[in-house]
Amino acid sequence: MKTPKVLPWLARKAGLTDEDVETLWSSALRHASLKQPQLTPNQRMAVAMQALLARLGREKNLGSTTQSCAHIAANDAGRFAATPALVRA
């Protein structure tokens, strides 16, 4: 999967590593895909980018970078573990 070219810049601005921001991006994109499957790919990317920017704002306020990114990613993984049931419903 290609990631937006702006992610490294966002990572530096938020004081995070590129890997942390890529993890948050993947989570935001997955969340957008599951919540609104009817969106076109461009719309899905826009929704994911809005979610990522909101999360990065929260990360900046938290102060603990890597741990909080890992915490958010772990929460998302747990929340979407039952994805097949949600998609079929």
PDB file of N, CA and C in Angstrom:
ATOM      1  N   MET A   1       0.833  -1.170   0.000  1.00  0.00           N
ATOM      2  CA  MET A   1       0.000   0.000   0.000  1.00  0.00           C
ATOM      3  C   MET A   1       0.884   1.242   0.000  1.00  0.00           C
ATOM      4  N   LYS A   2       0.558   2.164  -0.869  1.00  0.00           N
ATOM      5  CA  LYS A   2       1.288   3.419  -0.884  1.00  0.00           C
ATOM      6  C   LYS A   2       0.761   4.328   0.209  1.00  0.00           C
ATOM      7  N   THR A   3       1.675   5.039   0.824  1.00  0.00           N
ATOM      8  CA  THR A   3       1.282   5.990   1.855  1.00  0.00           C
ATOM      9  C   THR A   3       1.440   7.398   1.303  1.00  0.00           C
ATOM     10  N   PRO A   4       0.698   8.347   1.843  1.00  0.00           N
ATOM     11  CA  PRO A   4       0.841   9.725   1.382  1.00  0.00           C
ATOM     12  C   PRO A   4       2.268  10.239   1.618  1.00  0.00           C
ATOM     13  N   LYS A   5       2.755  11.023   0.679  1.00  0.00           N
ATOM     14  CA  LYS A   5       4.121  11.537   0.786  1.00  0.00           C
ATOM     15  C   LYS A   5       4.298  12.534   1.928  1.00  0.00           C
ATOM     16  N   VAL A   6       3.201  13.021   2.458  1.00  0.00           N
ATOM     17  CA  VAL A   6       3.256  14.017   3.522  1.00  0.00           C
ATOM     18  C   VAL A   6       3.497  13.384   4.897  1.00  0.00           C
ATOM     19  N   LEU A   7       3.421  12.073   5.004  1.00  0.00           N
ATOM     20  CA  LEU A   7       3.551  11.426   6.317  1.00  0.00           C
ATOM     21  C   LEU A   7       4.877  11.722   7.023  1.00  0.00           C
ATOM     22  N   PRO A   8       6.029  11.664   6.350  1.00  0.00           N
ATOM     23  CA  PRO A   8       7.274  11.992   7.066  1.00  0.00           C
ATOM     24  C   PRO A   8       7.285  13.428   7.609  1.00  0.00           C
ATOM     25  N   TRP A   9       6.731  14.349   6.848  1.00  0.00           N
ATOM     26  CA  TRP A   9       6.654  15.733   7.295  1.00  0.00           C
ATOM     27  C   TRP A   9       5.759  15.836   8.527  1.00  0.00           C
ATOM     28  N   LEU A  10       4.607  15.155   8.474  1.00  0.00           N
ATOM     29  CA  LEU A  10       3.700  15.163   9.618  1.00  0.00           C
ATOM     30  C   LEU A  10       4.375  14.545  10.844  1.00  0.00           C
ATOM     31  N   ALA A  11       5.147  13.493  10.616  1.00  0.00           N
ATOM     32  CA  ALA A  11       5.854  12.841  11.724  1.00  0.00           C
ATOM     33  C   ALA A  11       6.809  13.821  12.399  1.00  0.00           C
ATOM     34  N   ARG A  12       7.578  14.536  11.607  1.00  0.00           N
ATOM     35  CA  ARG A  12       8.520  15.507  12.181  1.00  0.00           C
ATOM     36  C   ARG A  12       7.780  16.603  12.939  1.00  0.00           C
ATOM     37  N   LYS A  13       6.688  17.095  12.364  1.00  0.00           N
ATOM     38  CA  LYS A  13       5.917  18.158  13.016  1.00  0.00           C
ATOM     39  C   LYS A  13       5.330  17.694  14.350  1.00  0.00           C
ATOM     40  N   ALA A  14       4.930  16.427  14.407  1.00  0.00           N
ATOM     41  CA  ALA A  14       4.323  15.889  15.624  1.00  0.00           C
ATOM     42  C   ALA A  14       5.356  15.336  16.599  1.00  0.00           C
ATOM     43  N   GLY A  15       6.617  15.275  16.173  1.00  0.00           N
ATOM     44  CA  GLY A  15       7.651  14.731  17.044  1.00  0.00           C
ATOM     45  C   GLY A  15       7.608  13.221  17.147  1.00  0.00           C
ATOM     46  N   LEU A  16       7.102  12.565  16.113  1.00  0.00           N
ATOM     47  CA  LEU A  16       6.991  11.107  16.089  1.00  0.00           C
ATOM     48  C   LEU A  16       7.936  10.531  15.040  1.00  0.00           C
ATOM     49  N   THR A  17       8.110   9.224  15.086  1.00  0.00           N
ATOM     50  CA  THR A  17       8.899   8.565  14.051  1.00  0.00           C
ATOM     51  C   THR A  17       8.010   8.319  12.828  1.00  0.00           C
ATOM     52  N   ASP A  18       8.656   8.124  11.695  1.00  0.00           N
ATOM     53  CA  ASP A  18       7.909   7.814  10.470  1.00  0.00           C
ATOM     54  C   ASP A  18       7.086   6.542  10.652  1.00  0.00           C
ATOM     55  N   GLU A  19       7.656   5.553  11.335  1.00  0.00           N
ATOM     56  CA  GLU A  19       6.961   4.286  11.543  1.00  0.00           C
ATOM     57  C   GLU A  19       5.700   4.472  12.383  1.00  0.00           C
ATOM     58  N   ASP A  20       5.790   5.318  13.400  1.00  0.00           N
ATOM     59  CA  ASP A  20       4.615   5.575  14.238  1.00  0.00           C
ATOM     60  C   ASP A  20       3.489   6.204  13.428  1.00  0.00           C
ATOM     61  N   VAL A  21       3.848   7.174  12.598  1.00  0.00           N
ATOM     62  CA  VAL A  21       2.827   7.851  11.798  1.00  0.00           C
ATOM     63  C   VAL A  21       2.267   6.904  10.738  1.00  0.00           C
ATOM     64  N   GLU A  22       3.103   6.040  10.178  1.00  0.00           N
ATOM     65  CA  GLU A  22       2.602   5.058   9.216  1.00  0.00           C
ATOM     66  C   GLU A  22       1.636   4.089   9.891  1.00  0.00           C
ATOM     67  N   THR A  23       1.919   3.721  11.129  1.00  0.00           N
ATOM     68  CA  THR A  23       1.011   2.849  11.881  1.00  0.00           C
ATOM     69  C   THR A  23      -0.322   3.546  12.110  1.00  0.00           C
ATOM     70  N   LEU A  24      -0.268   4.798  12.521  1.00  0.00           N
ATOM     71  CA  LEU A  24      -1.496   5.563  12.731  1.00  0.00           C
ATOM     72  C   LEU A  24      -2.261   5.758  11.427  1.00  0.00           C
ATOM     73  N   TRP A  25      -1.528   5.967  10.314  1.00  0.00           N
ATOM     74  CA  TRP A  25      -2.161   6.130   9.004  1.00  0.00           C
ATOM     75  C   TRP A  25      -2.894   4.839   8.614  1.00  0.00           C
ATOM     76  N   SER A  26      -2.238   3.712   8.770  1.00  0.00           N
ATOM     77  CA  SER A  26      -2.871   2.435   8.424  1.00  0.00           C
ATOM     78  C   SER A  26      -4.135   2.216   9.237  1.00  0.00           C
ATOM     79  N   SER A  27      -4.051   2.550  10.512  1.00  0.00           N
ATOM     80  CA  SER A  27      -5.209   2.402  11.383  1.00  0.00           C
ATOM     81  C   SER A  27      -6.347   3.328  10.950  1.00  0.00           C
ATOM     82  N   ALA A  28      -6.023   4.568  10.629  1.00  0.00           N
ATOM     83  CA  ALA A  28      -7.046   5.530  10.199  1.00  0.00           C
ATOM     84  C   ALA A  28      -7.675   5.105   8.885  1.00  0.00           C
ATOM     85  N   LEU A  29      -6.876   4.596   7.959  1.00  0.00           N
ATOM     86  CA  LEU A  29      -7.389   4.152   6.672  1.00  0.00           C
ATOM     87  C   LEU A  29      -8.286   2.924   6.834  1.00  0.00           C
ATOM     88  N   ARG A  30      -7.874   2.000   7.682  1.00  0.00           N
ATOM     89  CA  ARG A  30      -8.680   0.808   7.939  1.00  0.00           C
ATOM     90  C   ARG A  30     -10.011   1.199   8.580  1.00  0.00           C
ATOM     91  N   HIS A  31      -9.941   2.109   9.534  1.00  0.00           N
ATOM     92  CA  HIS A  31     -11.146   2.570  10.219  1.00  0.00           C
ATOM     93  C   HIS A  31     -12.104   3.243   9.228  1.00  0.00           C
ATOM     94  N   ALA A  32     -11.579   4.093   8.346  1.00  0.00           N
ATOM     95  CA  ALA A  32     -12.416   4.766   7.343  1.00  0.00           C
ATOM     96  C   ALA A  32     -13.044   3.747   6.394  1.00  0.00           C
ATOM     97  N   SER A  33     -12.297   2.727   6.027  1.00  0.00           N
ATOM     98  CA  SER A  33     -12.807   1.698   5.114  1.00  0.00           C
ATOM     99  C   SER A  33     -13.935   0.900   5.750  1.00  0.00           C
ATOM    100  N   LEU A  34     -13.806   0.621   7.040  1.00  0.00           N
ATOM    101  CA  LEU A  34     -14.822  -0.172   7.730  1.00  0.00           C
ATOM    102  C   LEU A  34     -16.071   0.644   8.051  1.00  0.00           C
ATOM    103  N   LYS A  35     -15.880   1.886   8.438  1.00  0.00           N
ATOM    104  CA  LYS A  35     -17.027   2.714   8.822  1.00  0.00           C
ATOM    105  C   LYS A  35     -17.841   3.191   7.624  1.00  0.00           C
ATOM    106  N   GLN A  36     -17.161   3.454   6.508  1.00  0.00           N
ATOM    107  CA  GLN A  36     -17.849   3.999   5.340  1.00  0.00           C
ATOM    108  C   GLN A  36     -17.383   3.284   4.070  1.00  0.00           C
ATOM    109  N   PRO A  37     -17.776   2.042   3.871  1.00  0.00           N
ATOM    110  CA  PRO A  37     -17.299   1.276   2.715  1.00  0.00           C
ATOM    111  C   PRO A  37     -17.803   1.809   1.377  1.00  0.00           C
ATOM    112  N   GLN A  38     -18.827   2.640   1.389  1.00  0.00           N
ATOM    113  CA  GLN A  38     -19.382   3.153   0.146  1.00  0.00           C
ATOM    114  C   GLN A  38     -18.531   4.275  -0.451  1.00  0.00           C
ATOM    115  N   LEU A  39     -17.560   4.799   0.287  1.00  0.00           N
ATOM    116  CA  LEU A  39     -16.748   5.898  -0.205  1.00  0.00           C
ATOM    117  C   LEU A  39     -15.827   5.458  -1.327  1.00  0.00           C
ATOM    118  N   THR A  40     -15.549   6.390  -2.231  1.00  0.00           N
ATOM    119  CA  THR A  40     -14.555   6.127  -3.273  1.00  0.00           C
ATOM    120  C   THR A  40     -13.178   6.118  -2.611  1.00  0.00           C
ATOM    121  N   PRO A  41     -12.175   5.559  -3.269  1.00  0.00           N
ATOM    122  CA  PRO A  41     -10.839   5.551  -2.662  1.00  0.00           C
ATOM    123  C   PRO A  41     -10.332   6.948  -2.289  1.00  0.00           C
ATOM    124  N   ASN A  42     -10.589   7.944  -3.125  1.00  0.00           N
ATOM    125  CA  ASN A  42     -10.140   9.303  -2.804  1.00  0.00           C
ATOM    126  C   ASN A  42     -10.862   9.855  -1.582  1.00  0.00           C
ATOM    127  N   GLN A  43     -12.145   9.599  -1.483  1.00  0.00           N
ATOM    128  CA  GLN A  43     -12.898  10.057  -0.321  1.00  0.00           C
ATOM    129  C   GLN A  43     -12.421   9.350   0.942  1.00  0.00           C
ATOM    130  N   ARG A  44     -12.142   8.064   0.821  1.00  0.00           N
ATOM    131  CA  ARG A  44     -11.665   7.278   1.955  1.00  0.00           C
ATOM    132  C   ARG A  44     -10.325   7.822   2.452  1.00  0.00           C
ATOM    133  N   MET A  45      -9.448   8.179   1.508  1.00  0.00           N
ATOM    134  CA  MET A  45      -8.145   8.743   1.881  1.00  0.00           C
ATOM    135  C   MET A  45      -8.334  10.082   2.593  1.00  0.00           C
ATOM    136  N   ALA A  46      -9.288  10.893   2.127  1.00  0.00           N
ATOM    137  CA  ALA A  46      -9.539  12.190   2.755  1.00  0.00           C
ATOM    138  C   ALA A  46     -10.061  12.012   4.182  1.00  0.00           C
ATOM    139  N   VAL A  47     -10.978  11.068   4.378  1.00  0.00           N
ATOM    140  CA  VAL A  47     -11.510  10.794   5.717  1.00  0.00           C
ATOM    141  C   VAL A  47     -10.391  10.278   6.624  1.00  0.00           C
ATOM    142  N   ALA A  48      -9.558   9.401   6.087  1.00  0.00           N
ATOM    143  CA  ALA A  48      -8.443   8.856   6.871  1.00  0.00           C
ATOM    144  C   ALA A  48      -7.451   9.959   7.245  1.00  0.00           C
ATOM    145  N   MET A  49      -7.194  10.874   6.327  1.00  0.00           N
ATOM    146  CA  MET A  49      -6.254  11.962   6.611  1.00  0.00           C
ATOM    147  C   MET A  49      -6.807  12.866   7.708  1.00  0.00           C
ATOM    148  N   GLN A  50      -8.101  13.153   7.680  1.00  0.00           N
ATOM    149  CA  GLN A  50      -8.708  13.960   8.745  1.00  0.00           C
ATOM    150  C   GLN A  50      -8.558  13.261  10.093  1.00  0.00           C
ATOM    151  N   ALA A  51      -8.800  11.967  10.112  1.00  0.00           N
ATOM    152  CA  ALA A  51      -8.672  11.203  11.354  1.00  0.00           C
ATOM    153  C   ALA A  51      -7.217  11.191  11.832  1.00  0.00           C
ATOM    154  N   LEU A  52      -6.288  11.024  10.898  1.00  0.00           N
ATOM    155  CA  LEU A  52      -4.868  11.017  11.257  1.00  0.00           C
ATOM    156  C   LEU A  52      -4.458  12.355  11.851  1.00  0.00           C
ATOM    157  N   LEU A  53      -4.872  13.442  11.238  1.00  0.00           N
ATOM    158  CA  LEU A  53      -4.512  14.763  11.751  1.00  0.00           C
ATOM    159  C   LEU A  53      -5.090  14.989  13.150  1.00  0.00           C
ATOM    160  N   ALA A  54      -6.302  14.512  13.371  1.00  0.00           N
ATOM    161  CA  ALA A  54      -6.894  14.627  14.705  1.00  0.00           C
ATOM    162  C   ALA A  54      -6.090  13.817  15.718  1.00  0.00           C
ATOM    163  N   ARG A  55      -5.688  12.621  15.347  1.00  0.00           N
ATOM    164  CA  ARG A  55      -4.893  11.783  16.252  1.00  0.00           C
ATOM    165  C   ARG A  55      -3.533  12.405  16.522  1.00  0.00           C
ATOM    166  N   LEU A  56      -2.913  12.955  15.499  1.00  0.00           N
ATOM    167  CA  LEU A  56      -1.610  13.574  15.704  1.00  0.00           C
ATOM    168  C   LEU A  56      -1.730  14.761  16.651  1.00  0.00           C
ATOM    169  N   GLY A  57      -2.827  15.487  16.565  1.00  0.00           N
ATOM    170  CA  GLY A  57      -3.057  16.576  17.503  1.00  0.00           C
ATOM    171  C   GLY A  57      -3.163  16.069  18.924  1.00  0.00           C
ATOM    172  N   ARG A  58      -3.833  14.944  19.100  1.00  0.00           N
ATOM    173  CA  ARG A  58      -3.936  14.343  20.433  1.00  0.00           C
ATOM    174  C   ARG A  58      -2.572  13.833  20.897  1.00  0.00           C
ATOM    175  N   GLU A  59      -1.809  13.249  19.996  1.00  0.00           N
ATOM    176  CA  GLU A  59      -0.484  12.736  20.340  1.00  0.00           C
ATOM    177  C   GLU A  59       0.410  13.866  20.831  1.00  0.00           C
ATOM    178  N   LYS A  60       0.352  14.994  20.152  1.00  0.00           N
ATOM    179  CA  LYS A  60       1.178  16.123  20.532  1.00  0.00           C
ATOM    180  C   LYS A  60       0.827  16.587  21.944  1.00  0.00           C
ATOM    181  N   ASN A  61      -0.451  16.536  22.277  1.00  0.00           N
ATOM    182  CA  ASN A  61      -0.888  16.944  23.608  1.00  0.00           C
ATOM    183  C   ASN A  61      -0.525  15.919  24.677  1.00  0.00           C
ATOM    184  N   LEU A  62      -0.400  14.653  24.290  1.00  0.00           N
ATOM    185  CA  LEU A  62      -0.070  13.606  25.266  1.00  0.00           C
ATOM    186  C   LEU A  62       1.380  13.670  25.711  1.00  0.00           C
ATOM    187  N   GLY A  63       2.265  14.038  24.798  1.00  0.00           N
ATOM    188  CA  GLY A  63       3.673  14.169  25.156  1.00  0.00           C
ATOM    189  C   GLY A  63       4.475  12.898  25.003  1.00  0.00           C
ATOM    190  N   SER A  64       3.938  11.750  25.318  1.00  0.00           N
ATOM    191  CA  SER A  64       4.649  10.484  25.194  1.00  0.00           C
ATOM    192  C   SER A  64       4.390   9.938  23.802  1.00  0.00           C
ATOM    193  N   THR A  65       5.390   9.974  22.949  1.00  0.00           N
ATOM    194  CA  THR A  65       5.177   9.710  21.534  1.00  0.00           C
ATOM    195  C   THR A  65       5.012   8.238  21.200  1.00  0.00           C
ATOM    196  N   THR A  66       6.044   7.475  21.307  1.00  0.00           N
ATOM    197  CA  THR A  66       5.999   6.093  20.847  1.00  0.00           C
ATOM    198  C   THR A  66       5.015   5.258  21.652  1.00  0.00           C
ATOM    199  N   GLN A  67       4.994   5.425  22.940  1.00  0.00           N
ATOM    200  CA  GLN A  67       4.092   4.639  23.767  1.00  0.00           C
ATOM    201  C   GLN A  67       2.639   4.947  23.451  1.00  0.00           C
ATOM    202  N   SER A  68       2.312   6.209  23.249  1.00  0.00           N
ATOM    203  CA  SER A  68       0.922   6.550  22.972  1.00  0.00           C
ATOM    204  C   SER A  68       0.518   6.094  21.579  1.00  0.00           C
ATOM    205  N   CYS A  69       1.431   6.125  20.611  1.00  0.00           N
ATOM    206  CA  CYS A  69       1.120   5.611  19.272  1.00  0.00           C
ATOM    207  C   CYS A  69       0.857   4.114  19.336  1.00  0.00           C
ATOM    208  N   ALA A  70       1.689   3.416  20.070  1.00  0.00           N
ATOM    209  CA  ALA A  70       1.499   1.976  20.206  1.00  0.00           C
ATOM    210  C   ALA A  70       0.182   1.686  20.916  1.00  0.00           C
ATOM    211  N   HIS A  71      -0.154   2.497  21.903  1.00  0.00           N
ATOM    212  CA  HIS A  71      -1.408   2.322  22.634  1.00  0.00           C
ATOM    213  C   HIS A  71      -2.609   2.520  21.715  1.00  0.00           C
ATOM    214  N   ILE A  72      -2.590   3.559  20.890  1.00  0.00           N
ATOM    215  CA  ILE A  72      -3.697   3.815  19.962  1.00  0.00           C
ATOM    216  C   ILE A  72      -3.807   2.682  18.947  1.00  0.00           C
ATOM    217  N   ALA A  73      -2.686   2.247  18.402  1.00  0.00           N
ATOM    218  CA  ALA A  73      -2.706   1.163  17.419  1.00  0.00           C
ATOM    219  C   ALA A  73      -3.238  -0.125  18.046  1.00  0.00           C
ATOM    220  N   ALA A  74      -2.841  -0.399  19.289  1.00  0.00           N
ATOM    221  CA  ALA A  74      -3.315  -1.609  19.964  1.00  0.00           C
ATOM    222  C   ALA A  74      -4.816  -1.520  20.225  1.00  0.00           C
ATOM    223  N   ASN A  75      -5.288  -0.360  20.613  1.00  0.00           N
ATOM    224  CA  ASN A  75      -6.728  -0.188  20.831  1.00  0.00           C
ATOM    225  C   ASN A  75      -7.505  -0.411  19.546  1.00  0.00           C
ATOM    226  N   ASP A  76      -6.992   0.123  18.450  1.00  0.00           N
ATOM    227  CA  ASP A  76      -7.656  -0.054  17.163  1.00  0.00           C
ATOM    228  C   ASP A  76      -7.659  -1.519  16.746  1.00  0.00           C
ATOM    229  N   ALA A  77      -6.554  -2.203  16.966  1.00  0.00           N
ATOM    230  CA  ALA A  77      -6.481  -3.615  16.591  1.00  0.00           C
ATOM    231  C   ALA A  77      -7.508  -4.417  17.375  1.00  0.00           C
ATOM    232  N   GLY A  78      -7.654  -4.124  18.654  1.00  0.00           N
ATOM    233  CA  GLY A  78      -8.633  -4.829  19.471  1.00  0.00           C
ATOM    234  C   GLY A  78     -10.058  -4.493  19.086  1.00  0.00           C
ATOM    235  N   ARG A  79     -10.290  -3.251  18.744  1.00  0.00           N
ATOM    236  CA  ARG A  79     -11.638  -2.810  18.407  1.00  0.00           C
ATOM    237  C   ARG A  79     -12.103  -3.430  17.093  1.00  0.00           C
ATOM    238  N   PHE A  80     -11.181  -3.665  16.170  1.00  0.00           N
ATOM    239  CA  PHE A  80     -11.562  -4.198  14.872  1.00  0.00           C
ATOM    240  C   PHE A  80     -11.259  -5.681  14.717  1.00  0.00           C
ATOM    241  N   ALA A  81     -11.028  -6.373  15.822  1.00  0.00           N
ATOM    242  CA  ALA A  81     -10.734  -7.805  15.755  1.00  0.00           C
ATOM    243  C   ALA A  81     -11.930  -8.574  15.216  1.00  0.00           C
ATOM    244  N   ALA A  82     -13.125  -8.098  15.470  1.00  0.00           N
ATOM    245  CA  ALA A  82     -14.337  -8.782  15.015  1.00  0.00           C
ATOM    246  C   ALA A  82     -14.862  -8.181  13.714  1.00  0.00           C
ATOM    247  N   THR A  83     -13.967  -7.710  12.884  1.00  0.00           N
ATOM    248  CA  THR A  83     -14.343  -7.027  11.645  1.00  0.00           C
ATOM    249  C   THR A  83     -15.258  -7.853  10.728  1.00  0.00           C
ATOM    250  N   PRO A  84     -14.994  -9.151  10.483  1.00  0.00           N
ATOM    251  CA  PRO A  84     -15.858  -9.888   9.562  1.00  0.00           C
ATOM    252  C   PRO A  84     -17.331  -9.855   9.961  1.00  0.00           C
ATOM    253  N   ALA A  85     -17.616  -9.933  11.246  1.00  0.00           N
ATOM    254  CA  ALA A  85     -19.010  -9.889  11.687  1.00  0.00           C
ATOM    255  C   ALA A  85     -19.622  -8.529  11.400  1.00  0.00           C
ATOM    256  N   LEU A  86     -18.839  -7.489  11.549  1.00  0.00           N
ATOM    257  CA  LEU A  86     -19.342  -6.146  11.282  1.00  0.00           C
ATOM    258  C   LEU A  86     -19.620  -5.949   9.805  1.00  0.00           C
ATOM    259  N   VAL A  87     -18.766  -6.479   8.962  1.00  0.00           N
ATOM    260  CA  VAL A  87     -18.933  -6.292   7.528  1.00  0.00           C
ATOM    261  C   VAL A  87     -20.143  -7.061   7.012  1.00  0.00           C
ATOM    262  N   ARG A  88     -20.388  -8.251   7.551  1.00  0.00           N
ATOM    263  CA  ARG A  88     -21.522  -9.052   7.098  1.00  0.00           C
ATOM    264  C   ARG A  88     -22.859  -8.479   7.545  1.00  0.00           C
ATOM    265  N   ALA A  89     -22.871  -7.780   8.646  1.00  0.00           N
ATOM    266  CA  ALA A  89     -24.119  -7.279   9.217  1.00  0.00           C
ATOM    267  C   ALA A  89     -24.778  -6.237   8.347  1.00  0.00           C
TER     268      ALA A  89
END
